Amino acid sequence: MQLTHKQWFFWNSQVLYKKLDGLTGGKHEEIFDMVKDLMFTDPAELLPTYQHLLEIDFAHLGNGSTTERQYWIESMESALIATDHIIERGGKQ
């Protein structure tokens, strides 16, 4: 019974409990994990137009708001998609 209670408490704290910015703890961790993955993107994988996204102060991003991190993630994902699209078209912009 204690194990079930601990699992229920963990579930509530990670999935149901809303923290800062109205997000669950699990969602905050997911956002940080995405930033960690994307921050190690090789600048050569991006078009020169988007390489500035990797020149930001990651300490500031980590200490900033969740909204800033989400915006940066969306910008990086868009940049990667745009780069892939250009490459698929044979490099013609």
Protein backbone atom coordinates (compact mmCIF):
# COMPACT_ATOMS: atom_id res chain seq x y z
CA MET A 1 0.00 0.00 0.00
CA GLN A 2 2.86 2.37 0.75
CA LEU A 3 4.33 1.79 -2.70
CA THR A 4 1.01 2.65 -4.33
CA HIS A 5 0.75 5.81 -2.25
CA LYS A 6 4.30 6.85 -3.23
CA GLN A 7 3.55 6.21 -6.90
CA TRP A 8 0.34 8.24 -6.65
CA PHE A 9 2.20 11.10 -4.92
CA PHE A 10 4.93 11.03 -7.56
CA TRP A 11 2.33 11.05 -10.37
CA ASN A 12 0.56 14.04 -8.87
CA SER A 13 3.76 15.98 -8.31
CA GLN A 14 5.12 15.32 -11.80
CA VAL A 15 2.05 15.27 -13.99
CA LEU A 16 -0.84 16.98 -12.27
CA TYR A 17 0.75 19.60 -10.02
CA LYS A 18 1.18 22.87 -11.91
CA LYS A 19 4.30 24.82 -11.09
CA LEU A 20 5.60 28.13 -12.35
CA ASP A 21 4.16 29.20 -15.70
CA GLY A 22 1.29 26.74 -15.30
CA LEU A 23 3.39 23.75 -16.33
CA THR A 24 3.97 20.49 -14.52
CA GLY A 25 7.36 19.48 -13.20
CA GLY A 26 7.59 16.89 -15.93
CA LYS A 27 6.96 19.49 -18.63
CA HIS A 28 9.65 21.79 -17.17
CA GLU A 29 12.11 18.88 -17.24
CA GLU A 30 11.12 18.09 -20.83
CA ILE A 31 11.82 21.71 -21.84
CA PHE A 32 15.24 21.68 -20.14
CA ASP A 33 16.07 18.36 -21.83
CA MET A 34 15.14 19.80 -25.23
CA VAL A 35 17.37 22.83 -24.62
CA LYS A 36 20.22 20.54 -23.57
CA ASP A 37 19.84 18.48 -26.75
CA LEU A 38 19.54 21.44 -29.10
CA MET A 39 22.35 23.51 -27.58
CA PHE A 40 24.87 20.95 -28.85
CA THR A 41 23.70 21.30 -32.45
CA ASP A 42 26.64 21.71 -34.79
CA PRO A 43 26.45 25.22 -36.32
CA ALA A 44 27.23 23.61 -39.69
CA GLU A 45 23.83 21.89 -39.48
CA LEU A 46 22.14 25.29 -39.76
CA LEU A 47 21.99 27.81 -42.57
CA PRO A 48 24.21 30.82 -41.85
CA THR A 49 21.07 32.89 -41.31
CA TYR A 50 20.19 30.81 -38.24
CA GLN A 51 23.61 30.14 -36.72
CA HIS A 52 23.16 33.12 -34.36
CA LEU A 53 20.71 30.96 -32.40
CA LEU A 54 23.68 29.00 -31.05
CA GLU A 55 25.55 32.15 -30.01
CA ILE A 56 23.27 32.95 -27.09
CA ASP A 57 24.21 32.91 -23.42
CA PHE A 58 22.94 29.50 -22.35
CA ALA A 59 23.40 30.34 -18.66
CA HIS A 60 21.02 33.26 -19.15
CA LEU A 61 18.60 31.02 -21.06
CA GLY A 62 18.72 28.44 -18.28
CA ASN A 63 18.05 31.06 -15.62
CA GLY A 64 15.43 32.86 -17.72
CA SER A 65 11.76 32.18 -18.06
CA THR A 66 10.23 29.03 -19.40
CA THR A 67 8.66 31.12 -22.15
CA GLU A 68 12.12 32.22 -23.33
CA ARG A 69 13.29 28.61 -23.42
CA GLN A 70 10.18 27.52 -25.33
CA TYR A 71 10.66 30.37 -27.83
CA TRP A 72 14.31 29.38 -28.38
CA ILE A 73 13.35 25.71 -28.85
CA GLU A 74 10.73 26.66 -31.44
CA SER A 75 13.23 28.91 -33.22
CA MET A 76 15.84 26.14 -33.33
CA GLU A 77 13.35 23.55 -34.56
CA SER A 78 12.17 25.93 -37.28
CA ALA A 79 15.76 26.65 -38.29
CA LEU A 80 16.53 22.93 -38.56
CA ILE A 81 13.40 22.33 -40.65
CA ALA A 82 14.24 25.27 -42.92
CA THR A 83 17.78 23.98 -43.39
CA ASP A 84 16.51 20.50 -44.24
CA HIS A 85 14.04 22.00 -46.71
CA ILE A 86 16.77 23.98 -48.48
CA ILE A 87 19.03 20.93 -48.64
CA GLU A 88 16.21 18.82 -50.11
CA ARG A 89 15.70 21.45 -52.82
CA GLY A 90 19.35 21.18 -53.77
CA GLY A 91 20.59 24.23 -51.91
CA LYS A 92 18.51 26.71 -53.92
CA GLN A 93 16.95 29.40 -51.77
